[in-house]
Amino acid sequence: MAINTKKGTERLEARRAELEAQSRISRESRDTVELDQQAVGRLSRMDAIQQQAMAEATERTRQLDLQRIELAYRRIKDGDYGYCVECDAEIPDARLEIDPMAERCVNCA
């Protein structure tokens, strides 16, 4: 079975667009937490800082996924997309559908 790089490219584009949209939407939650002593009923500063830290960790994960997308594009260009970087076995299409950036087959993952 031949690897369908067109389908892979479409999946990568869709995932990139999704990640970039999520990053834009969550930008405010990653902003610096400011102490507002006049506000009543708001989250405590500790809760706000914890939420900010979680948002920043999520953003770091998004950025890593965007880097993985760029690596997948490079594999497409080089003709290596859809093949395991460890054992050179073909990565099943079902796995690439779930994670279009997958570099390894299930056995090597």
PDB file of N, CA and C in Angstrom:
ATOM      1  N   MET A   1       0.847  -1.186   0.000  1.00  0.00           N
ATOM      2  CA  MET A   1       0.000   0.000   0.000  1.00  0.00           C
ATOM      3  C   MET A   1       0.889   1.244   0.000  1.00  0.00           C
ATOM      4  N   ALA A   2       0.638   2.157  -0.907  1.00  0.00           N
ATOM      5  CA  ALA A   2       1.426   3.385  -1.017  1.00  0.00           C
ATOM      6  C   ALA A   2       0.901   4.439  -0.038  1.00  0.00           C
ATOM      7  N   ILE A   3       1.802   5.219   0.475  1.00  0.00           N
ATOM      8  CA  ILE A   3       1.441   6.289   1.392  1.00  0.00           C
ATOM      9  C   ILE A   3       0.804   7.419   0.597  1.00  0.00           C
ATOM     10  N   ASN A   4      -0.334   7.893   1.057  1.00  0.00           N
ATOM     11  CA  ASN A   4      -1.039   8.985   0.398  1.00  0.00           C
ATOM     12  C   ASN A   4      -0.555  10.302   1.007  1.00  0.00           C
ATOM     13  N   THR A   5       0.435  10.941   0.370  1.00  0.00           N
ATOM     14  CA  THR A   5       0.984  12.180   0.921  1.00  0.00           C
ATOM     15  C   THR A   5       0.012  13.344   0.784  1.00  0.00           C
ATOM     16  N   LYS A   6      -0.883  13.297  -0.212  1.00  0.00           N
ATOM     17  CA  LYS A   6      -1.876  14.364  -0.343  1.00  0.00           C
ATOM     18  C   LYS A   6      -2.800  14.367   0.864  1.00  0.00           C
ATOM     19  N   LYS A   7      -3.239  13.182   1.264  1.00  0.00           N
ATOM     20  CA  LYS A   7      -4.101  13.078   2.439  1.00  0.00           C
ATOM     21  C   LYS A   7      -3.329  13.513   3.690  1.00  0.00           C
ATOM     22  N   GLY A   8      -2.046  13.130   3.757  1.00  0.00           N
ATOM     23  CA  GLY A   8      -1.209  13.533   4.888  1.00  0.00           C
ATOM     24  C   GLY A   8      -1.057  15.039   4.952  1.00  0.00           C
ATOM     25  N   THR A   9      -0.839  15.666   3.802  1.00  0.00           N
ATOM     26  CA  THR A   9      -0.706  17.121   3.750  1.00  0.00           C
ATOM     27  C   THR A   9      -1.998  17.800   4.210  1.00  0.00           C
ATOM     28  N   GLU A  10      -3.132  17.270   3.770  1.00  0.00           N
ATOM     29  CA  GLU A  10      -4.428  17.835   4.185  1.00  0.00           C
ATOM     30  C   GLU A  10      -4.611  17.716   5.699  1.00  0.00           C
ATOM     31  N   ARG A  11      -4.251  16.578   6.245  1.00  0.00           N
ATOM     32  CA  ARG A  11      -4.370  16.372   7.696  1.00  0.00           C
ATOM     33  C   ARG A  11      -3.449  17.312   8.462  1.00  0.00           C
ATOM     34  N   LEU A  12      -2.231  17.471   7.955  1.00  0.00           N
ATOM     35  CA  LEU A  12      -1.273  18.371   8.606  1.00  0.00           C
ATOM     36  C   LEU A  12      -1.761  19.812   8.559  1.00  0.00           C
ATOM     37  N   GLU A  13      -2.289  20.242   7.420  1.00  0.00           N
ATOM     38  CA  GLU A  13      -2.820  21.603   7.293  1.00  0.00           C
ATOM     39  C   GLU A  13      -3.973  21.832   8.267  1.00  0.00           C
ATOM     40  N   ALA A  14      -4.871  20.848   8.366  1.00  0.00           N
ATOM     41  CA  ALA A  14      -6.014  20.968   9.277  1.00  0.00           C
ATOM     42  C   ALA A  14      -5.539  21.045  10.726  1.00  0.00           C
ATOM     43  N   ARG A  15      -4.563  20.212  11.082  1.00  0.00           N
ATOM     44  CA  ARG A  15      -4.043  20.215  12.456  1.00  0.00           C
ATOM     45  C   ARG A  15      -3.329  21.525  12.755  1.00  0.00           C
ATOM     46  N   ARG A  16      -2.559  22.034  11.785  1.00  0.00           N
ATOM     47  CA  ARG A  16      -1.858  23.311  11.984  1.00  0.00           C
ATOM     48  C   ARG A  16      -2.867  24.440  12.206  1.00  0.00           C
ATOM     49  N   ALA A  17      -3.895  24.493  11.384  1.00  0.00           N
ATOM     50  CA  ALA A  17      -4.915  25.540  11.522  1.00  0.00           C
ATOM     51  C   ALA A  17      -5.594  25.445  12.886  1.00  0.00           C
ATOM     52  N   GLU A  18      -5.882  24.227  13.331  1.00  0.00           N
ATOM     53  CA  GLU A  18      -6.514  24.030  14.632  1.00  0.00           C
ATOM     54  C   GLU A  18      -5.606  24.514  15.766  1.00  0.00           C
ATOM     55  N   LEU A  19      -4.334  24.149  15.710  1.00  0.00           N
ATOM     56  CA  LEU A  19      -3.382  24.558  16.749  1.00  0.00           C
ATOM     57  C   LEU A  19      -3.203  26.072  16.778  1.00  0.00           C
ATOM     58  N   GLU A  20      -3.092  26.694  15.611  1.00  0.00           N
ATOM     59  CA  GLU A  20      -2.916  28.147  15.558  1.00  0.00           C
ATOM     60  C   GLU A  20      -4.150  28.866  16.078  1.00  0.00           C
ATOM     61  N   ALA A  21      -5.342  28.351  15.768  1.00  0.00           N
ATOM     62  CA  ALA A  21      -6.581  28.958  16.275  1.00  0.00           C
ATOM     63  C   ALA A  21      -6.656  28.831  17.791  1.00  0.00           C
ATOM     64  N   GLN A  22      -6.313  27.664  18.319  1.00  0.00           N
ATOM     65  CA  GLN A  22      -6.335  27.472  19.770  1.00  0.00           C
ATOM     66  C   GLN A  22      -5.337  28.400  20.451  1.00  0.00           C
ATOM     67  N   SER A  23      -4.206  28.599  19.829  1.00  0.00           N
ATOM     68  CA  SER A  23      -3.187  29.482  20.387  1.00  0.00           C
ATOM     69  C   SER A  23      -3.689  30.922  20.450  1.00  0.00           C
ATOM     70  N   ARG A  24      -4.352  31.368  19.379  1.00  0.00           N
ATOM     71  CA  ARG A  24      -4.906  32.733  19.376  1.00  0.00           C
ATOM     72  C   ARG A  24      -5.983  32.878  20.447  1.00  0.00           C
ATOM     73  N   ILE A  25      -6.859  31.900  20.556  1.00  0.00           N
ATOM     74  CA  ILE A  25      -7.970  31.959  21.511  1.00  0.00           C
ATOM     75  C   ILE A  25      -7.462  31.993  22.950  1.00  0.00           C
ATOM     76  N   SER A  26      -6.406  31.257  23.230  1.00  0.00           N
ATOM     77  CA  SER A  26      -5.934  31.145  24.618  1.00  0.00           C
ATOM     78  C   SER A  26      -4.893  32.191  24.997  1.00  0.00           C
ATOM     79  N   ARG A  27      -4.587  33.105  24.096  1.00  0.00           N
ATOM     80  CA  ARG A  27      -3.549  34.108  24.362  1.00  0.00           C
ATOM     81  C   ARG A  27      -3.823  34.883  25.653  1.00  0.00           C
ATOM     82  N   GLU A  28      -5.058  35.280  25.856  1.00  0.00           N
ATOM     83  CA  GLU A  28      -5.405  36.076  27.040  1.00  0.00           C
ATOM     84  C   GLU A  28      -5.163  35.304  28.336  1.00  0.00           C
ATOM     85  N   SER A  29      -5.425  34.013  28.337  1.00  0.00           N
ATOM     86  CA  SER A  29      -5.248  33.223  29.557  1.00  0.00           C
ATOM     87  C   SER A  29      -3.781  33.030  29.910  1.00  0.00           C
ATOM     88  N   ARG A  30      -2.884  33.329  28.975  1.00  0.00           N
ATOM     89  CA  ARG A  30      -1.448  33.219  29.244  1.00  0.00           C
ATOM     90  C   ARG A  30      -0.839  34.551  29.654  1.00  0.00           C
ATOM     91  N   ASP A  31      -1.632  35.626  29.636  1.00  0.00           N
ATOM     92  CA  ASP A  31      -1.121  36.939  30.016  1.00  0.00           C
ATOM     93  C   ASP A  31      -0.723  36.957  31.487  1.00  0.00           C
ATOM     94  N   THR A  32       0.095  37.934  31.836  1.00  0.00           N
ATOM     95  CA  THR A  32       0.544  38.097  33.209  1.00  0.00           C
ATOM     96  C   THR A  32      -0.639  38.313  34.135  1.00  0.00           C
ATOM     97  N   VAL A  33      -0.608  37.627  35.267  1.00  0.00           N
ATOM     98  CA  VAL A  33      -1.671  37.746  36.263  1.00  0.00           C
ATOM     99  C   VAL A  33      -1.424  39.008  37.071  1.00  0.00           C
ATOM    100  N   GLU A  34      -2.466  39.846  37.147  1.00  0.00           N
ATOM    101  CA  GLU A  34      -2.362  41.078  37.915  1.00  0.00           C
ATOM    102  C   GLU A  34      -3.252  40.991  39.143  1.00  0.00           C
ATOM    103  N   LEU A  35      -2.776  41.515  40.229  1.00  0.00           N
ATOM    104  CA  LEU A  35      -3.525  41.504  41.475  1.00  0.00           C
ATOM    105  C   LEU A  35      -4.542  42.636  41.460  1.00  0.00           C
ATOM    106  N   ASP A  36      -5.800  42.294  41.604  1.00  0.00           N
ATOM    107  CA  ASP A  36      -6.878  43.284  41.639  1.00  0.00           C
ATOM    108  C   ASP A  36      -7.579  43.156  42.988  1.00  0.00           C
ATOM    109  N   GLN A  37      -7.117  43.956  43.961  1.00  0.00           N
ATOM    110  CA  GLN A  37      -7.661  43.847  45.308  1.00  0.00           C
ATOM    111  C   GLN A  37      -9.057  44.447  45.420  1.00  0.00           C
ATOM    112  N   GLN A  38      -9.493  45.203  44.438  1.00  0.00           N
ATOM    113  CA  GLN A  38     -10.822  45.805  44.463  1.00  0.00           C
ATOM    114  C   GLN A  38     -11.897  44.828  44.000  1.00  0.00           C
ATOM    115  N   ALA A  39     -11.496  43.837  43.242  1.00  0.00           N
ATOM    116  CA  ALA A  39     -12.468  42.892  42.692  1.00  0.00           C
ATOM    117  C   ALA A  39     -12.976  41.947  43.783  1.00  0.00           C
ATOM    118  N   VAL A  40     -14.272  41.765  43.817  1.00  0.00           N
ATOM    119  CA  VAL A  40     -14.878  40.870  44.798  1.00  0.00           C
ATOM    120  C   VAL A  40     -15.442  39.678  44.044  1.00  0.00           C
ATOM    121  N   GLY A  41     -15.225  38.479  44.588  1.00  0.00           N
ATOM    122  CA  GLY A  41     -15.760  37.288  43.964  1.00  0.00           C
ATOM    123  C   GLY A  41     -14.916  36.760  42.809  1.00  0.00           C
ATOM    124  N   ARG A  42     -13.762  37.299  42.585  1.00  0.00           N
ATOM    125  CA  ARG A  42     -12.880  36.818  41.509  1.00  0.00           C
ATOM    126  C   ARG A  42     -12.012  35.678  42.028  1.00  0.00           C
ATOM    127  N   LEU A  43     -11.410  34.982  41.100  1.00  0.00           N
ATOM    128  CA  LEU A  43     -10.499  33.916  41.500  1.00  0.00           C
ATOM    129  C   LEU A  43      -9.365  34.493  42.315  1.00  0.00           C
ATOM    130  N   SER A  44      -8.889  33.710  43.248  1.00  0.00           N
ATOM    131  CA  SER A  44      -7.746  34.176  44.025  1.00  0.00           C
ATOM    132  C   SER A  44      -6.531  34.287  43.108  1.00  0.00           C
ATOM    133  N   ARG A  45      -5.571  35.033  43.535  1.00  0.00           N
ATOM    134  CA  ARG A  45      -4.351  35.204  42.732  1.00  0.00           C
ATOM    135  C   ARG A  45      -3.680  33.854  42.500  1.00  0.00           C
ATOM    136  N   MET A  46      -3.666  32.988  43.503  1.00  0.00           N
ATOM    137  CA  MET A  46      -3.046  31.670  43.345  1.00  0.00           C
ATOM    138  C   MET A  46      -3.766  30.846  42.286  1.00  0.00           C
ATOM    139  N   ASP A  47      -5.084  30.889  42.290  1.00  0.00           N
ATOM    140  CA  ASP A  47      -5.847  30.163  41.271  1.00  0.00           C
ATOM    141  C   ASP A  47      -5.544  30.721  39.887  1.00  0.00           C
ATOM    142  N   ALA A  48      -5.475  32.031  39.789  1.00  0.00           N
ATOM    143  CA  ALA A  48      -5.202  32.671  38.506  1.00  0.00           C
ATOM    144  C   ALA A  48      -3.806  32.309  38.014  1.00  0.00           C
ATOM    145  N   ILE A  49      -2.837  32.278  38.919  1.00  0.00           N
ATOM    146  CA  ILE A  49      -1.470  31.919  38.545  1.00  0.00           C
ATOM    147  C   ILE A  49      -1.418  30.461  38.104  1.00  0.00           C
ATOM    148  N   GLN A  50      -2.152  29.599  38.806  1.00  0.00           N
ATOM    149  CA  GLN A  50      -2.182  28.189  38.424  1.00  0.00           C
ATOM    150  C   GLN A  50      -2.817  28.019  37.040  1.00  0.00           C
ATOM    151  N   GLN A  51      -3.895  28.720  36.777  1.00  0.00           N
ATOM    152  CA  GLN A  51      -4.532  28.646  35.464  1.00  0.00           C
ATOM    153  C   GLN A  51      -3.602  29.166  34.371  1.00  0.00           C
ATOM    154  N   GLN A  52      -2.874  30.240  34.683  1.00  0.00           N
ATOM    155  CA  GLN A  52      -1.919  30.779  33.722  1.00  0.00           C
ATOM    156  C   GLN A  52      -0.823  29.752  33.423  1.00  0.00           C
ATOM    157  N   ALA A  53      -0.319  29.091  34.454  1.00  0.00           N
ATOM    158  CA  ALA A  53       0.728  28.085  34.264  1.00  0.00           C
ATOM    159  C   ALA A  53       0.215  26.929  33.408  1.00  0.00           C
ATOM    160  N   MET A  54      -1.013  26.514  33.635  1.00  0.00           N
ATOM    161  CA  MET A  54      -1.591  25.435  32.833  1.00  0.00           C
ATOM    162  C   MET A  54      -1.747  25.877  31.383  1.00  0.00           C
ATOM    163  N   ALA A  55      -2.178  27.116  31.168  1.00  0.00           N
ATOM    164  CA  ALA A  55      -2.333  27.640  29.809  1.00  0.00           C
ATOM    165  C   ALA A  55      -0.979  27.725  29.102  1.00  0.00           C
ATOM    166  N   GLU A  56       0.059  28.115  29.842  1.00  0.00           N
ATOM    167  CA  GLU A  56       1.400  28.196  29.255  1.00  0.00           C
ATOM    168  C   GLU A  56       1.922  26.802  28.903  1.00  0.00           C
ATOM    169  N   ALA A  57       1.667  25.816  29.750  1.00  0.00           N
ATOM    170  CA  ALA A  57       2.094  24.441  29.462  1.00  0.00           C
ATOM    171  C   ALA A  57       1.374  23.914  28.227  1.00  0.00           C
ATOM    172  N   THR A  58       0.099  24.198  28.116  1.00  0.00           N
ATOM    173  CA  THR A  58      -0.665  23.780  26.947  1.00  0.00           C
ATOM    174  C   THR A  58      -0.114  24.441  25.685  1.00  0.00           C
ATOM    175  N   GLU A  59       0.251  25.694  25.787  1.00  0.00           N
ATOM    176  CA  GLU A  59       0.814  26.413  24.636  1.00  0.00           C
ATOM    177  C   GLU A  59       2.163  25.813  24.225  1.00  0.00           C
ATOM    178  N   ARG A  60       2.971  25.436  25.207  1.00  0.00           N
ATOM    179  CA  ARG A  60       4.253  24.795  24.868  1.00  0.00           C
ATOM    180  C   ARG A  60       4.011  23.498  24.095  1.00  0.00           C
ATOM    181  N   THR A  61       3.002  22.730  24.506  1.00  0.00           N
ATOM    182  CA  THR A  61       2.655  21.496  23.800  1.00  0.00           C
ATOM    183  C   THR A  61       2.214  21.809  22.372  1.00  0.00           C
ATOM    184  N   ARG A  62       1.413  22.868  22.205  1.00  0.00           N
ATOM    185  CA  ARG A  62       0.988  23.279  20.859  1.00  0.00           C
ATOM    186  C   ARG A  62       2.192  23.622  19.994  1.00  0.00           C
ATOM    187  N   GLN A  63       3.135  24.363  20.557  1.00  0.00           N
ATOM    188  CA  GLN A  63       4.316  24.766  19.794  1.00  0.00           C
ATOM    189  C   GLN A  63       5.156  23.552  19.399  1.00  0.00           C
ATOM    190  N   LEU A  64       5.246  22.565  20.284  1.00  0.00           N
ATOM    191  CA  LEU A  64       5.957  21.332  19.936  1.00  0.00           C
ATOM    192  C   LEU A  64       5.242  20.599  18.801  1.00  0.00           C
ATOM    193  N   ASP A  65       3.911  20.577  18.839  1.00  0.00           N
ATOM    194  CA  ASP A  65       3.153  19.949  17.753  1.00  0.00           C
ATOM    195  C   ASP A  65       3.362  20.688  16.440  1.00  0.00           C
ATOM    196  N   LEU A  66       3.452  22.013  16.482  1.00  0.00           N
ATOM    197  CA  LEU A  66       3.716  22.777  15.258  1.00  0.00           C
ATOM    198  C   LEU A  66       5.103  22.435  14.704  1.00  0.00           C
ATOM    199  N   GLN A  67       6.072  22.215  15.583  1.00  0.00           N
ATOM    200  CA  GLN A  67       7.402  21.792  15.132  1.00  0.00           C
ATOM    201  C   GLN A  67       7.337  20.399  14.515  1.00  0.00           C
ATOM    202  N   ARG A  68       6.537  19.503  15.127  1.00  0.00           N
ATOM    203  CA  ARG A  68       6.378  18.157  14.579  1.00  0.00           C
ATOM    204  C   ARG A  68       5.721  18.210  13.198  1.00  0.00           C
ATOM    205  N   ILE A  69       4.812  19.165  13.003  1.00  0.00           N
ATOM    206  CA  ILE A  69       4.181  19.330  11.685  1.00  0.00           C
ATOM    207  C   ILE A  69       5.233  19.722  10.651  1.00  0.00           C
ATOM    208  N   GLU A  70       6.113  20.647  11.010  1.00  0.00           N
ATOM    209  CA  GLU A  70       7.181  21.055  10.085  1.00  0.00           C
ATOM    210  C   GLU A  70       8.089  19.871   9.743  1.00  0.00           C
ATOM    211  N   LEU A  71       8.382  19.038  10.727  1.00  0.00           N
ATOM    212  CA  LEU A  71       9.195  17.848  10.463  1.00  0.00           C
ATOM    213  C   LEU A  71       8.463  16.880   9.536  1.00  0.00           C
ATOM    214  N   ALA A  72       7.148  16.759   9.709  1.00  0.00           N
ATOM    215  CA  ALA A  72       6.355  15.886   8.839  1.00  0.00           C
ATOM    216  C   ALA A  72       6.378  16.414   7.403  1.00  0.00           C
ATOM    217  N   TYR A  73       6.269  17.734   7.241  1.00  0.00           N
ATOM    218  CA  TYR A  73       6.376  18.314   5.888  1.00  0.00           C
ATOM    219  C   TYR A  73       7.727  18.003   5.267  1.00  0.00           C
ATOM    220  N   ARG A  74       8.772  18.051   6.070  1.00  0.00           N
ATOM    221  CA  ARG A  74      10.105  17.740   5.572  1.00  0.00           C
ATOM    222  C   ARG A  74      10.175  16.271   5.129  1.00  0.00           C
ATOM    223  N   ARG A  75       9.533  15.378   5.913  1.00  0.00           N
ATOM    224  CA  ARG A  75       9.508  13.961   5.522  1.00  0.00           C
ATOM    225  C   ARG A  75       8.717  13.765   4.224  1.00  0.00           C
ATOM    226  N   ILE A  76       7.632  14.523   4.045  1.00  0.00           N
ATOM    227  CA  ILE A  76       6.871  14.446   2.794  1.00  0.00           C
ATOM    228  C   ILE A  76       7.761  14.855   1.629  1.00  0.00           C
ATOM    229  N   LYS A  77       8.463  15.977   1.800  1.00  0.00           N
ATOM    230  CA  LYS A  77       9.352  16.489   0.745  1.00  0.00           C
ATOM    231  C   LYS A  77      10.447  15.475   0.403  1.00  0.00           C
ATOM    232  N   ASP A  78      10.964  14.800   1.438  1.00  0.00           N
ATOM    233  CA  ASP A  78      12.053  13.840   1.232  1.00  0.00           C
ATOM    234  C   ASP A  78      11.553  12.459   0.811  1.00  0.00           C
ATOM    235  N   GLY A  79      10.228  12.272   0.806  1.00  0.00           N
ATOM    236  CA  GLY A  79       9.670  10.977   0.427  1.00  0.00           C
ATOM    237  C   GLY A  79       9.667   9.954   1.547  1.00  0.00           C
ATOM    238  N   ASP A  80       9.867  10.409   2.779  1.00  0.00           N
ATOM    239  CA  ASP A  80       9.929   9.505   3.930  1.00  0.00           C
ATOM    240  C   ASP A  80       8.664   9.521   4.772  1.00  0.00           C
ATOM    241  N   TYR A  81       7.688  10.329   4.405  1.00  0.00           N
ATOM    242  CA  TYR A  81       6.466  10.444   5.203  1.00  0.00           C
ATOM    243  C   TYR A  81       5.711   9.118   5.201  1.00  0.00           C
ATOM    244  N   GLY A  82       5.240   8.731   6.378  1.00  0.00           N
ATOM    245  CA  GLY A  82       4.459   7.505   6.500  1.00  0.00           C
ATOM    246  C   GLY A  82       5.293   6.268   6.730  1.00  0.00           C
ATOM    247  N   TYR A  83       6.600   6.454   6.899  1.00  0.00           N
ATOM    248  CA  TYR A  83       7.485   5.332   7.187  1.00  0.00           C
ATOM    249  C   TYR A  83       8.169   5.586   8.528  1.00  0.00           C
ATOM    250  N   CYS A  84       8.266   4.544   9.319  1.00  0.00           N
ATOM    251  CA  CYS A  84       8.845   4.635  10.659  1.00  0.00           C
ATOM    252  C   CYS A  84      10.311   5.060  10.575  1.00  0.00           C
ATOM    253  N   VAL A  85      10.689   6.035  11.401  1.00  0.00           N
ATOM    254  CA  VAL A  85      12.070   6.503  11.419  1.00  0.00           C
ATOM    255  C   VAL A  85      12.997   5.499  12.099  1.00  0.00           C
ATOM    256  N   GLU A  86      12.433   4.540  12.847  1.00  0.00           N
ATOM    257  CA  GLU A  86      13.247   3.530  13.527  1.00  0.00           C
ATOM    258  C   GLU A  86      13.474   2.294  12.657  1.00  0.00           C
ATOM    259  N   CYS A  87      12.367   1.702  12.169  1.00  0.00           N
ATOM    260  CA  CYS A  87      12.479   0.405  11.478  1.00  0.00           C
ATOM    261  C   CYS A  87      12.132   0.480   9.994  1.00  0.00           C
ATOM    262  N   ASP A  88      11.722   1.655   9.511  1.00  0.00           N
ATOM    263  CA  ASP A  88      11.389   1.896   8.106  1.00  0.00           C
ATOM    264  C   ASP A  88      10.127   1.166   7.644  1.00  0.00           C
ATOM    265  N   ALA A  89       9.346   0.637   8.602  1.00  0.00           N
ATOM    266  CA  ALA A  89       8.071   0.002   8.253  1.00  0.00           C
ATOM    267  C   ALA A  89       7.054   1.084   7.921  1.00  0.00           C
ATOM    268  N   GLU A  90       6.084   0.737   7.114  1.00  0.00           N
ATOM    269  CA  GLU A  90       5.025   1.675   6.765  1.00  0.00           C
ATOM    270  C   GLU A  90       4.121   1.910   7.977  1.00  0.00           C
ATOM    271  N   ILE A  91       3.847   3.155   8.265  1.00  0.00           N
ATOM    272  CA  ILE A  91       2.940   3.503   9.360  1.00  0.00           C
ATOM    273  C   ILE A  91       1.520   3.387   8.822  1.00  0.00           C
ATOM    274  N   PRO A  92       0.648   2.620   9.489  1.00  0.00           N
ATOM    275  CA  PRO A  92      -0.714   2.440   8.995  1.00  0.00           C
ATOM    276  C   PRO A  92      -1.455   3.775   8.861  1.00  0.00           C
ATOM    277  N   ASP A  93      -2.299   3.870   7.839  1.00  0.00           N
ATOM    278  CA  ASP A  93      -3.052   5.089   7.589  1.00  0.00           C
ATOM    279  C   ASP A  93      -3.926   5.456   8.784  1.00  0.00           C
ATOM    280  N   ALA A  94      -4.460   4.456   9.482  1.00  0.00           N
ATOM    281  CA  ALA A  94      -5.297   4.742  10.657  1.00  0.00           C
ATOM    282  C   ALA A  94      -4.493   5.496  11.715  1.00  0.00           C
ATOM    283  N   ARG A  95      -3.226   5.138  11.892  1.00  0.00           N
ATOM    284  CA  ARG A  95      -2.373   5.846  12.863  1.00  0.00           C
ATOM    285  C   ARG A  95      -2.095   7.272  12.391  1.00  0.00           C
ATOM    286  N   LEU A  96      -1.832   7.427  11.091  1.00  0.00           N
ATOM    287  CA  LEU A  96      -1.580   8.762  10.552  1.00  0.00           C
ATOM    288  C   LEU A  96      -2.836   9.623  10.580  1.00  0.00           C
ATOM    289  N   GLU A  97      -3.994   9.003  10.514  1.00  0.00           N
ATOM    290  CA  GLU A  97      -5.237   9.762  10.616  1.00  0.00           C
ATOM    291  C   GLU A  97      -5.395  10.332  12.014  1.00  0.00           C
ATOM    292  N   ILE A  98      -5.031   9.550  13.021  1.00  0.00           N
ATOM    293  CA  ILE A  98      -5.109  10.009  14.410  1.00  0.00           C
ATOM    294  C   ILE A  98      -4.021  11.034  14.701  1.00  0.00           C
ATOM    295  N   ASP A  99      -2.814  10.753  14.235  1.00  0.00           N
ATOM    296  CA  ASP A  99      -1.665  11.644  14.457  1.00  0.00           C
ATOM    297  C   ASP A  99      -0.885  11.779  13.153  1.00  0.00           C
ATOM    298  N   PRO A 100      -1.243  12.778  12.334  1.00  0.00           N
ATOM    299  CA  PRO A 100      -0.565  12.923  11.039  1.00  0.00           C
ATOM    300  C   PRO A 100       0.927  13.258  11.164  1.00  0.00           C
ATOM    301  N   MET A 101       1.392  13.581  12.367  1.00  0.00           N
ATOM    302  CA  MET A 101       2.793  13.890  12.581  1.00  0.00           C
ATOM    303  C   MET A 101       3.590  12.665  13.046  1.00  0.00           C
ATOM    304  N   ALA A 102       2.939  11.511  13.146  1.00  0.00           N
ATOM    305  CA  ALA A 102       3.588  10.305  13.672  1.00  0.00           C
ATOM    306  C   ALA A 102       4.865   9.989  12.911  1.00  0.00           C
ATOM    307  N   GLU A 103       5.917   9.716  13.665  1.00  0.00           N
ATOM    308  CA  GLU A 103       7.219   9.378  13.076  1.00  0.00           C
ATOM    309  C   GLU A 103       7.534   7.894  13.203  1.00  0.00           C
ATOM    310  N   ARG A 104       6.816   7.227  14.105  1.00  0.00           N
ATOM    311  CA  ARG A 104       7.123   5.835  14.397  1.00  0.00           C
ATOM    312  C   ARG A 104       5.890   4.960  14.261  1.00  0.00           C
ATOM    313  N   CYS A 105       6.115   3.703  13.897  1.00  0.00           N
ATOM    314  CA  CYS A 105       5.016   2.733  13.862  1.00  0.00           C
ATOM    315  C   CYS A 105       4.644   2.391  15.306  1.00  0.00           C
ATOM    316  N   VAL A 106       3.574   1.658  15.478  1.00  0.00           N
ATOM    317  CA  VAL A 106       3.102   1.311  16.823  1.00  0.00           C
ATOM    318  C   VAL A 106       4.149   0.520  17.583  1.00  0.00           C
ATOM    319  N   ASN A 107       4.826  -0.407  16.919  1.00  0.00           N
ATOM    320  CA  ASN A 107       5.832  -1.234  17.598  1.00  0.00           C
ATOM    321  C   ASN A 107       7.010  -0.431  18.106  1.00  0.00           C
ATOM    322  N   CYS A 108       7.404   0.598  17.387  1.00  0.00           N
ATOM    323  CA  CYS A 108       8.582   1.397  17.777  1.00  0.00           C
ATOM    324  C   CYS A 108       8.225   2.596  18.668  1.00  0.00           C
ATOM    325  N   ALA A 109       6.946   2.928  18.741  1.00  0.00           N
ATOM    326  CA  ALA A 109       6.536   4.107  19.506  1.00  0.00           C
ATOM    327  C   ALA A 109       6.730   3.926  20.997  1.00  0.00           C
TER     328      ALA A 109
END
